[in-house]
């Protein structure tokens, strides 16, 4: 009976406009865009760079686990703040593929011409000034949805919220 009620509510309700206050990010690997939602509203869409191949940037729902200002680039021993550091001025790490947020992340870049391209080793590159804005608004624990399609961000967000509400009702 409860399942039928949930189905009827979801199927015949007007478009759901949740009272969601948590910041939420959606990244489209197809369009190389990042959408930032806050308080249930689309606040901003940014151009980003994603993996050089489709499999490098993982798709799925992830959680922000690490944030860093002027991140250190371990692979090549480049300190934060160094103009040669490819991670730029901020790191917002998430737990893709069972990692701890230090492997995959949204970060700035010292190569702004790469934005909008498929060029990274799996991370999501952003212009430094834009990732600095995002960094201030995205807390540890925020969710990041990475998709491999070009569906509009509002419908992707509404689908996510519906799924979360359905989980909470069960």
N, C-alpha and C. Protein backbone atom coordinates (compact mmCIF):
# COMPACT_ATOMS: atom_id res chain seq x y z
N UNK A 1 0.82 -1.20 0.00
CA UNK A 1 0.00 0.00 0.00
C UNK A 1 0.86 1.26 0.00
N UNK A 2 1.91 1.25 0.83
CA UNK A 2 2.79 2.44 0.90
C UNK A 2 3.47 2.67 -0.45
N UNK A 3 3.90 1.59 -1.14
CA UNK A 3 4.55 1.72 -2.44
C UNK A 3 3.59 2.35 -3.44
N UNK A 4 2.34 1.92 -3.44
CA UNK A 4 1.35 2.48 -4.34
C UNK A 4 1.14 3.96 -4.06
N UNK A 5 1.07 4.34 -2.80
CA UNK A 5 0.90 5.74 -2.43
C UNK A 5 2.07 6.58 -2.92
N UNK A 6 3.29 6.10 -2.74
CA UNK A 6 4.48 6.82 -3.21
C UNK A 6 4.43 6.98 -4.72
N UNK A 7 4.09 5.89 -5.43
CA UNK A 7 4.00 5.95 -6.88
C UNK A 7 2.98 7.00 -7.31
N UNK A 8 1.81 6.98 -6.70
CA UNK A 8 0.77 7.94 -7.08
C UNK A 8 1.20 9.38 -6.78
N UNK A 9 1.85 9.59 -5.66
CA UNK A 9 2.33 10.93 -5.32
C UNK A 9 3.36 11.42 -6.35
N UNK A 10 4.27 10.54 -6.73
CA UNK A 10 5.31 10.94 -7.68
C UNK A 10 4.77 11.07 -9.10
N UNK A 11 3.87 10.19 -9.48
CA UNK A 11 3.38 10.18 -10.86
C UNK A 11 2.38 11.29 -11.15
N UNK A 12 1.57 11.68 -10.17
CA UNK A 12 0.49 12.62 -10.45
C UNK A 12 0.63 13.95 -9.73
N UNK A 13 1.74 14.15 -9.10
CA UNK A 13 1.97 15.44 -8.43
C UNK A 13 2.49 16.45 -9.44
N UNK A 14 2.25 17.72 -9.17
CA UNK A 14 2.91 18.73 -10.00
C UNK A 14 4.41 18.59 -9.82
N UNK A 15 5.22 19.18 -10.68
CA UNK A 15 6.67 19.06 -10.52
C UNK A 15 7.08 19.39 -9.09
N UNK A 16 7.88 18.52 -8.54
CA UNK A 16 8.28 18.64 -7.15
C UNK A 16 9.33 19.73 -7.00
N UNK A 17 9.11 20.65 -6.10
CA UNK A 17 10.06 21.71 -5.79
C UNK A 17 10.43 21.55 -4.33
N UNK A 18 11.51 20.80 -4.09
CA UNK A 18 11.85 20.45 -2.72
C UNK A 18 12.35 21.64 -1.91
N UNK A 19 12.20 21.53 -0.62
CA UNK A 19 12.79 22.50 0.29
C UNK A 19 14.16 21.96 0.66
N UNK A 20 15.06 22.00 -0.29
CA UNK A 20 16.40 21.46 -0.11
C UNK A 20 17.33 22.63 0.18
N UNK A 21 18.10 22.49 1.23
CA UNK A 21 19.01 23.57 1.57
C UNK A 21 20.46 23.19 1.31
N UNK A 22 20.75 21.92 1.15
CA UNK A 22 22.13 21.50 0.97
C UNK A 22 22.65 21.86 -0.41
N UNK A 23 23.85 22.40 -0.48
CA UNK A 23 24.47 22.62 -1.79
C UNK A 23 24.62 21.29 -2.53
N UNK A 24 24.50 21.32 -3.83
CA UNK A 24 24.53 20.12 -4.67
C UNK A 24 25.18 20.48 -6.00
N UNK A 25 26.01 19.59 -6.50
CA UNK A 25 26.73 19.83 -7.76
C UNK A 25 26.37 18.73 -8.75
N UNK A 26 26.15 19.12 -10.00
CA UNK A 26 25.99 18.16 -11.09
C UNK A 26 27.02 18.51 -12.15
N UNK A 27 27.74 17.50 -12.63
CA UNK A 27 28.71 17.68 -13.70
C UNK A 27 28.29 16.81 -14.88
N UNK A 28 28.21 17.43 -16.06
CA UNK A 28 27.93 16.69 -17.29
C UNK A 28 29.24 16.51 -18.05
N UNK A 29 29.65 15.25 -18.20
CA UNK A 29 30.85 14.97 -18.99
C UNK A 29 30.58 15.20 -20.47
N UNK A 30 29.34 15.12 -20.86
CA UNK A 30 28.97 15.32 -22.27
C UNK A 30 29.14 16.78 -22.69
N UNK A 31 28.74 17.70 -21.82
CA UNK A 31 28.79 19.12 -22.17
C UNK A 31 29.95 19.87 -21.50
N UNK A 32 30.67 19.18 -20.62
CA UNK A 32 31.75 19.82 -19.84
C UNK A 32 31.22 21.05 -19.11
N UNK A 33 30.14 20.83 -18.38
CA UNK A 33 29.56 21.89 -17.57
C UNK A 33 29.31 21.37 -16.16
N UNK A 34 29.38 22.29 -15.22
CA UNK A 34 29.12 22.01 -13.81
C UNK A 34 28.01 22.94 -13.36
N UNK A 35 26.98 22.37 -12.75
CA UNK A 35 25.86 23.16 -12.22
C UNK A 35 25.92 23.13 -10.70
N UNK A 36 25.75 24.30 -10.11
CA UNK A 36 25.75 24.41 -8.66
C UNK A 36 24.35 24.79 -8.19
N UNK A 37 23.77 23.96 -7.31
CA UNK A 37 22.46 24.20 -6.73
C UNK A 37 22.63 24.53 -5.25
N UNK A 38 21.82 25.47 -4.78
CA UNK A 38 21.80 25.77 -3.35
C UNK A 38 20.38 26.19 -2.99
N UNK A 39 19.92 25.74 -1.85
CA UNK A 39 18.55 26.00 -1.40
C UNK A 39 17.52 25.59 -2.45
N UNK A 40 17.80 24.49 -3.16
CA UNK A 40 16.87 23.97 -4.15
C UNK A 40 16.83 24.76 -5.44
N UNK A 41 17.78 25.67 -5.63
CA UNK A 41 17.75 26.56 -6.80
C UNK A 41 19.08 26.45 -7.57
N UNK A 42 18.98 26.45 -8.89
CA UNK A 42 20.18 26.48 -9.72
C UNK A 42 20.81 27.86 -9.60
N UNK A 43 21.99 27.91 -9.01
CA UNK A 43 22.67 29.18 -8.77
C UNK A 43 23.58 29.58 -9.92
N UNK A 44 24.32 28.61 -10.48
CA UNK A 44 25.33 28.96 -11.47
C UNK A 44 25.71 27.73 -12.27
N UNK A 45 26.04 27.94 -13.56
CA UNK A 45 26.58 26.89 -14.42
C UNK A 45 27.96 27.36 -14.87
N UNK A 46 28.95 26.49 -14.70
CA UNK A 46 30.33 26.79 -15.06
C UNK A 46 30.79 25.86 -16.18
N UNK A 47 31.65 26.34 -17.04
CA UNK A 47 32.35 25.48 -18.00
C UNK A 47 33.50 24.83 -17.25
N UNK A 48 33.73 23.54 -17.50
CA UNK A 48 34.81 22.79 -16.86
C UNK A 48 35.48 21.89 -17.89
N UNK A 49 36.56 21.27 -17.50
CA UNK A 49 37.20 20.24 -18.30
C UNK A 49 37.04 18.91 -17.56
N UNK A 50 36.86 17.84 -18.31
CA UNK A 50 36.73 16.51 -17.70
C UNK A 50 37.75 15.58 -18.37
N UNK A 51 37.64 14.29 -18.05
CA UNK A 51 38.61 13.30 -18.50
C UNK A 51 38.84 13.25 -20.00
N UNK A 52 40.10 12.99 -20.36
CA UNK A 52 40.49 12.89 -21.77
C UNK A 52 39.74 11.76 -22.47
N UNK A 53 39.34 10.74 -21.71
CA UNK A 53 38.46 9.68 -22.23
C UNK A 53 37.28 9.56 -21.28
N UNK A 54 36.18 9.00 -21.76
CA UNK A 54 34.95 8.90 -20.96
C UNK A 54 35.16 8.17 -19.64
N UNK A 55 36.03 7.16 -19.63
CA UNK A 55 36.18 6.36 -18.41
C UNK A 55 37.06 7.02 -17.36
N UNK A 56 37.81 8.07 -17.69
CA UNK A 56 38.71 8.68 -16.71
C UNK A 56 37.96 9.43 -15.60
N UNK A 57 36.95 10.19 -15.95
CA UNK A 57 36.14 10.87 -14.93
C UNK A 57 34.98 9.95 -14.60
N UNK A 58 34.93 9.42 -13.38
CA UNK A 58 33.89 8.46 -13.04
C UNK A 58 32.51 9.11 -12.97
N UNK A 59 31.50 8.36 -13.41
CA UNK A 59 30.11 8.81 -13.31
C UNK A 59 29.51 8.20 -12.05
N UNK A 60 28.56 8.93 -11.45
CA UNK A 60 27.89 8.43 -10.27
C UNK A 60 27.63 9.54 -9.27
N UNK A 61 27.15 9.15 -8.11
CA UNK A 61 26.86 10.09 -7.03
C UNK A 61 27.96 9.95 -5.98
N UNK A 62 28.60 11.07 -5.65
CA UNK A 62 29.73 11.06 -4.74
C UNK A 62 29.55 12.12 -3.65
N UNK A 63 30.44 12.07 -2.66
CA UNK A 63 30.39 12.98 -1.53
C UNK A 63 31.71 13.74 -1.42
N UNK A 64 31.63 15.03 -1.18
CA UNK A 64 32.83 15.84 -0.93
C UNK A 64 33.41 15.41 0.41
N UNK A 65 34.68 15.03 0.40
CA UNK A 65 35.33 14.54 1.62
C UNK A 65 36.54 15.38 2.03
N UNK A 66 37.09 16.17 1.11
CA UNK A 66 38.31 16.94 1.38
C UNK A 66 38.22 18.27 0.66
N UNK A 67 38.69 19.31 1.32
CA UNK A 67 38.83 20.62 0.67
C UNK A 67 40.21 21.17 1.03
N UNK A 68 40.84 21.85 0.06
CA UNK A 68 42.16 22.42 0.33
C UNK A 68 42.37 23.70 -0.46
N UNK A 69 42.94 24.69 0.21
CA UNK A 69 43.38 25.91 -0.46
C UNK A 69 44.82 25.70 -0.89
N UNK A 70 45.16 26.19 -2.09
CA UNK A 70 46.51 26.02 -2.64
C UNK A 70 47.01 24.59 -2.43
N UNK A 71 46.32 23.61 -3.06
CA UNK A 71 46.67 22.20 -2.84
C UNK A 71 48.06 21.84 -3.35
N UNK A 72 48.67 20.94 -2.64
CA UNK A 72 49.98 20.39 -3.01
C UNK A 72 49.77 19.34 -4.09
N UNK A 73 50.59 19.34 -5.14
CA UNK A 73 50.49 18.35 -6.22
C UNK A 73 51.50 17.24 -5.96
N UNK A 74 51.00 16.14 -5.41
CA UNK A 74 51.86 15.04 -4.98
C UNK A 74 52.62 14.37 -6.12
N UNK A 75 51.95 14.16 -7.26
CA UNK A 75 52.57 13.40 -8.35
C UNK A 75 53.91 13.98 -8.78
N UNK A 76 54.02 15.30 -8.77
CA UNK A 76 55.26 15.93 -9.24
C UNK A 76 55.91 16.82 -8.18
N UNK A 77 55.50 16.64 -6.93
CA UNK A 77 56.10 17.36 -5.81
C UNK A 77 56.11 18.88 -6.06
N UNK A 78 54.94 19.42 -6.40
CA UNK A 78 54.83 20.86 -6.66
C UNK A 78 54.00 21.49 -5.54
N UNK A 79 54.57 22.42 -4.81
CA UNK A 79 53.84 23.02 -3.69
C UNK A 79 52.64 23.84 -4.16
N UNK A 80 51.69 23.99 -3.25
CA UNK A 80 50.53 24.84 -3.52
C UNK A 80 50.97 26.27 -3.73
N UNK A 81 50.28 26.96 -4.62
CA UNK A 81 50.60 28.35 -4.90
C UNK A 81 51.66 28.52 -5.98
N UNK A 82 52.37 27.45 -6.33
CA UNK A 82 53.39 27.52 -7.38
C UNK A 82 52.69 27.64 -8.74
N UNK A 83 53.11 28.56 -9.60
CA UNK A 83 52.46 28.71 -10.91
C UNK A 83 52.52 27.44 -11.77
N UNK A 84 53.43 26.53 -11.47
CA UNK A 84 53.53 25.27 -12.22
C UNK A 84 52.55 24.21 -11.71
N UNK A 85 51.88 24.49 -10.61
CA UNK A 85 50.98 23.52 -10.01
C UNK A 85 49.70 23.42 -10.85
N UNK A 86 49.43 22.24 -11.44
CA UNK A 86 48.26 22.09 -12.31
C UNK A 86 46.93 22.07 -11.57
N UNK A 87 46.96 22.02 -10.23
CA UNK A 87 45.72 21.97 -9.45
C UNK A 87 45.14 23.34 -9.16
N UNK A 88 45.86 24.38 -9.52
CA UNK A 88 45.34 25.72 -9.30
C UNK A 88 45.22 26.07 -7.83
N UNK A 89 44.25 26.93 -7.52
CA UNK A 89 44.16 27.52 -6.19
C UNK A 89 43.26 26.77 -5.19
N UNK A 90 42.43 25.85 -5.65
CA UNK A 90 41.52 25.14 -4.74
C UNK A 90 41.34 23.69 -5.17
N UNK A 91 41.03 22.85 -4.18
CA UNK A 91 40.73 21.43 -4.39
C UNK A 91 39.47 21.10 -3.61
N UNK A 92 38.49 20.51 -4.30
CA UNK A 92 37.28 19.99 -3.67
C UNK A 92 37.25 18.50 -4.03
N UNK A 93 37.74 17.67 -3.11
CA UNK A 93 37.89 16.24 -3.39
C UNK A 93 36.65 15.44 -3.03
N UNK A 94 36.38 14.41 -3.82
CA UNK A 94 35.22 13.55 -3.57
C UNK A 94 35.62 12.09 -3.65
N UNK A 95 34.76 11.23 -3.12
CA UNK A 95 35.07 9.82 -2.87
C UNK A 95 34.77 8.87 -4.03
N UNK A 96 35.12 9.23 -5.25
CA UNK A 96 34.87 8.36 -6.41
C UNK A 96 35.72 7.09 -6.34
N UNK A 97 35.14 6.01 -6.81
CA UNK A 97 35.82 4.71 -6.90
C UNK A 97 36.44 4.28 -5.56
N UNK A 98 35.75 4.59 -4.48
CA UNK A 98 36.20 4.16 -3.16
C UNK A 98 37.44 4.90 -2.65
N UNK A 99 37.75 6.04 -3.24
CA UNK A 99 38.92 6.80 -2.80
C UNK A 99 38.53 7.75 -1.68
N UNK A 100 39.51 8.44 -1.14
CA UNK A 100 39.29 9.28 0.04
C UNK A 100 39.17 10.77 -0.26
N UNK A 101 39.05 11.15 -1.51
CA UNK A 101 38.93 12.56 -1.86
C UNK A 101 40.24 13.21 -2.24
N UNK A 102 41.29 12.43 -2.27
CA UNK A 102 42.59 12.98 -2.65
C UNK A 102 43.01 12.57 -4.06
N UNK A 103 42.21 11.77 -4.71
CA UNK A 103 42.50 11.31 -6.07
C UNK A 103 41.62 12.03 -7.10
N UNK A 104 40.32 12.12 -6.82
CA UNK A 104 39.38 12.78 -7.72
C UNK A 104 38.88 14.06 -7.07
N UNK A 105 38.82 15.12 -7.87
CA UNK A 105 38.33 16.37 -7.31
C UNK A 105 37.98 17.39 -8.37
N UNK A 106 37.36 18.44 -7.91
CA UNK A 106 37.13 19.64 -8.71
C UNK A 106 38.25 20.59 -8.28
N UNK A 107 39.00 21.08 -9.23
CA UNK A 107 40.13 21.93 -8.87
C UNK A 107 40.35 23.02 -9.91
N UNK A 108 41.13 24.00 -9.51
CA UNK A 108 41.52 25.05 -10.44
C UNK A 108 42.53 24.51 -11.44
N UNK A 109 43.11 25.41 -12.22
CA UNK A 109 44.09 24.97 -13.21
C UNK A 109 45.05 26.09 -13.55
N UNK A 110 46.23 25.69 -13.97
CA UNK A 110 47.18 26.66 -14.50
C UNK A 110 47.14 26.66 -16.03
N UNK A 111 46.14 25.97 -16.58
CA UNK A 111 45.94 25.89 -18.03
C UNK A 111 44.49 26.28 -18.36
N UNK A 112 44.13 27.54 -18.22
CA UNK A 112 42.74 27.94 -18.43
C UNK A 112 42.22 27.65 -19.84
N UNK A 113 43.10 27.52 -20.82
CA UNK A 113 42.63 27.21 -22.18
C UNK A 113 42.07 25.79 -22.29
N UNK A 114 42.31 24.94 -21.27
CA UNK A 114 41.80 23.57 -21.30
C UNK A 114 40.33 23.48 -20.88
N UNK A 115 39.80 24.55 -20.31
CA UNK A 115 38.41 24.53 -19.83
C UNK A 115 37.47 24.35 -21.02
N UNK A 116 36.52 23.44 -20.85
CA UNK A 116 35.57 23.11 -21.91
C UNK A 116 36.00 21.91 -22.73
N UNK A 117 37.16 21.36 -22.44
CA UNK A 117 37.71 20.24 -23.21
C UNK A 117 37.70 18.96 -22.39
N UNK A 118 37.96 17.86 -23.07
CA UNK A 118 38.14 16.55 -22.44
C UNK A 118 39.64 16.28 -22.41
N UNK A 119 40.29 16.69 -21.32
CA UNK A 119 41.75 16.65 -21.28
C UNK A 119 42.34 16.13 -19.98
N UNK A 120 41.55 16.02 -18.92
CA UNK A 120 42.12 15.70 -17.61
C UNK A 120 42.38 14.20 -17.46
N UNK A 121 43.06 13.88 -16.37
CA UNK A 121 43.32 12.48 -16.03
C UNK A 121 42.18 11.89 -15.20
N UNK A 122 41.09 12.65 -15.04
CA UNK A 122 39.92 12.15 -14.32
C UNK A 122 39.27 13.20 -13.45
N UNK A 123 40.02 14.23 -13.10
CA UNK A 123 39.47 15.30 -12.28
C UNK A 123 38.62 16.25 -13.12
N UNK A 124 38.00 17.17 -12.44
CA UNK A 124 37.17 18.19 -13.07
C UNK A 124 37.90 19.52 -12.89
N UNK A 125 38.37 20.07 -13.98
CA UNK A 125 39.12 21.33 -13.93
C UNK A 125 38.18 22.51 -14.07
N UNK A 126 38.52 23.57 -13.36
CA UNK A 126 37.72 24.79 -13.41
C UNK A 126 38.67 25.97 -13.42
N UNK A 127 38.19 27.10 -13.90
CA UNK A 127 38.98 28.32 -13.78
C UNK A 127 39.17 28.61 -12.30
N UNK A 128 40.34 29.14 -11.94
CA UNK A 128 40.64 29.38 -10.53
C UNK A 128 39.62 30.27 -9.85
N UNK A 129 39.23 31.37 -10.47
CA UNK A 129 38.28 32.28 -9.81
C UNK A 129 36.93 31.60 -9.60
N UNK A 130 36.54 30.71 -10.49
CA UNK A 130 35.25 30.01 -10.34
C UNK A 130 35.31 28.92 -9.28
N UNK A 131 36.41 28.16 -9.23
CA UNK A 131 36.51 27.13 -8.20
C UNK A 131 36.66 27.77 -6.82
N UNK A 132 37.23 28.97 -6.76
CA UNK A 132 37.30 29.68 -5.48
C UNK A 132 35.91 30.06 -4.99
N UNK A 133 35.02 30.48 -5.90
CA UNK A 133 33.63 30.79 -5.53
C UNK A 133 32.94 29.52 -5.03
N UNK A 134 33.08 28.44 -5.78
CA UNK A 134 32.45 27.17 -5.44
C UNK A 134 32.98 26.66 -4.10
N UNK A 135 34.26 26.74 -3.90
CA UNK A 135 34.91 26.27 -2.68
C UNK A 135 34.27 26.88 -1.43
N UNK A 136 33.97 28.16 -1.50
CA UNK A 136 33.39 28.85 -0.35
C UNK A 136 31.95 28.39 -0.05
N UNK A 137 31.26 27.86 -1.06
CA UNK A 137 29.85 27.50 -0.91
C UNK A 137 29.60 26.01 -0.71
N UNK A 138 30.59 25.18 -0.97
CA UNK A 138 30.40 23.73 -0.92
C UNK A 138 31.05 23.16 0.34
N UNK A 139 30.24 22.64 1.25
CA UNK A 139 30.81 22.07 2.48
C UNK A 139 31.22 20.61 2.30
N UNK A 140 32.06 20.15 3.21
CA UNK A 140 32.34 18.72 3.31
C UNK A 140 30.98 18.03 3.51
N UNK A 141 30.76 16.94 2.80
CA UNK A 141 29.49 16.22 2.89
C UNK A 141 28.53 16.53 1.76
N UNK A 142 28.79 17.59 1.00
CA UNK A 142 27.92 17.92 -0.14
C UNK A 142 28.00 16.79 -1.17
N UNK A 143 26.94 16.64 -1.94
CA UNK A 143 26.87 15.60 -2.96
C UNK A 143 27.25 16.16 -4.33
N UNK A 144 27.89 15.29 -5.12
CA UNK A 144 28.27 15.60 -6.50
C UNK A 144 27.75 14.48 -7.37
N UNK A 145 26.94 14.81 -8.35
CA UNK A 145 26.43 13.85 -9.32
C UNK A 145 27.14 14.09 -10.64
N UNK A 146 27.83 13.07 -11.15
CA UNK A 146 28.52 13.18 -12.43
C UNK A 146 27.79 12.28 -13.41
N UNK A 147 27.38 12.86 -14.54
CA UNK A 147 26.60 12.13 -15.54
C UNK A 147 27.31 12.12 -16.88
N UNK A 148 26.92 11.17 -17.71
CA UNK A 148 27.51 11.01 -19.04
C UNK A 148 26.52 11.41 -20.12
N UNK A 149 25.65 12.36 -19.84
CA UNK A 149 24.64 12.76 -20.81
C UNK A 149 24.51 14.28 -20.82
N UNK A 150 23.65 14.76 -21.69
CA UNK A 150 23.46 16.21 -21.79
C UNK A 150 22.06 16.63 -21.36
N UNK A 151 21.44 15.81 -20.48
CA UNK A 151 20.12 16.19 -19.96
C UNK A 151 20.22 17.52 -19.23
N UNK A 152 19.14 18.26 -19.22
CA UNK A 152 19.19 19.56 -18.56
C UNK A 152 19.35 19.37 -17.05
N UNK A 153 20.06 20.30 -16.44
CA UNK A 153 20.42 20.19 -15.04
C UNK A 153 19.21 20.21 -14.11
N UNK A 154 18.18 20.97 -14.45
CA UNK A 154 17.01 21.03 -13.57
C UNK A 154 16.31 19.68 -13.47
N UNK A 155 16.16 18.98 -14.59
CA UNK A 155 15.48 17.68 -14.52
C UNK A 155 16.37 16.65 -13.82
N UNK A 156 17.68 16.72 -14.01
CA UNK A 156 18.58 15.82 -13.28
C UNK A 156 18.47 16.05 -11.78
N UNK A 157 18.43 17.31 -11.39
CA UNK A 157 18.31 17.66 -9.97
C UNK A 157 16.98 17.16 -9.41
N UNK A 158 15.90 17.41 -10.13
CA UNK A 158 14.58 16.96 -9.65
C UNK A 158 14.53 15.44 -9.52
N UNK A 159 15.14 14.72 -10.47
CA UNK A 159 15.20 13.26 -10.37
C UNK A 159 15.95 12.83 -9.11
N UNK A 160 17.07 13.48 -8.84
CA UNK A 160 17.85 13.16 -7.64
C UNK A 160 17.01 13.39 -6.38
N UNK A 161 16.35 14.54 -6.31
CA UNK A 161 15.55 14.86 -5.13
C UNK A 161 14.41 13.86 -4.97
N UNK A 162 13.76 13.49 -6.05
CA UNK A 162 12.68 12.48 -5.97
C UNK A 162 13.21 11.18 -5.41
N UNK A 163 14.37 10.74 -5.90
CA UNK A 163 14.95 9.49 -5.40
C UNK A 163 15.27 9.60 -3.91
N UNK A 164 15.81 10.72 -3.50
CA UNK A 164 16.13 10.91 -2.07
C UNK A 164 14.84 10.90 -1.22
N UNK A 165 13.81 11.57 -1.70
CA UNK A 165 12.54 11.61 -0.96
C UNK A 165 11.94 10.20 -0.89
N UNK A 166 12.04 9.46 -1.95
CA UNK A 166 11.50 8.10 -1.97
C UNK A 166 12.25 7.24 -0.95
N UNK A 167 13.58 7.40 -0.87
CA UNK A 167 14.37 6.66 0.12
C UNK A 167 13.92 7.00 1.55
N UNK A 168 13.66 8.26 1.77
CA UNK A 168 13.28 8.71 3.12
C UNK A 168 11.90 8.21 3.53
N UNK A 169 11.04 7.98 2.54
CA UNK A 169 9.69 7.50 2.84
C UNK A 169 9.66 5.98 3.09
N UNK A 170 10.67 5.29 2.67
CA UNK A 170 10.67 3.82 2.82
C UNK A 170 11.04 3.39 4.21
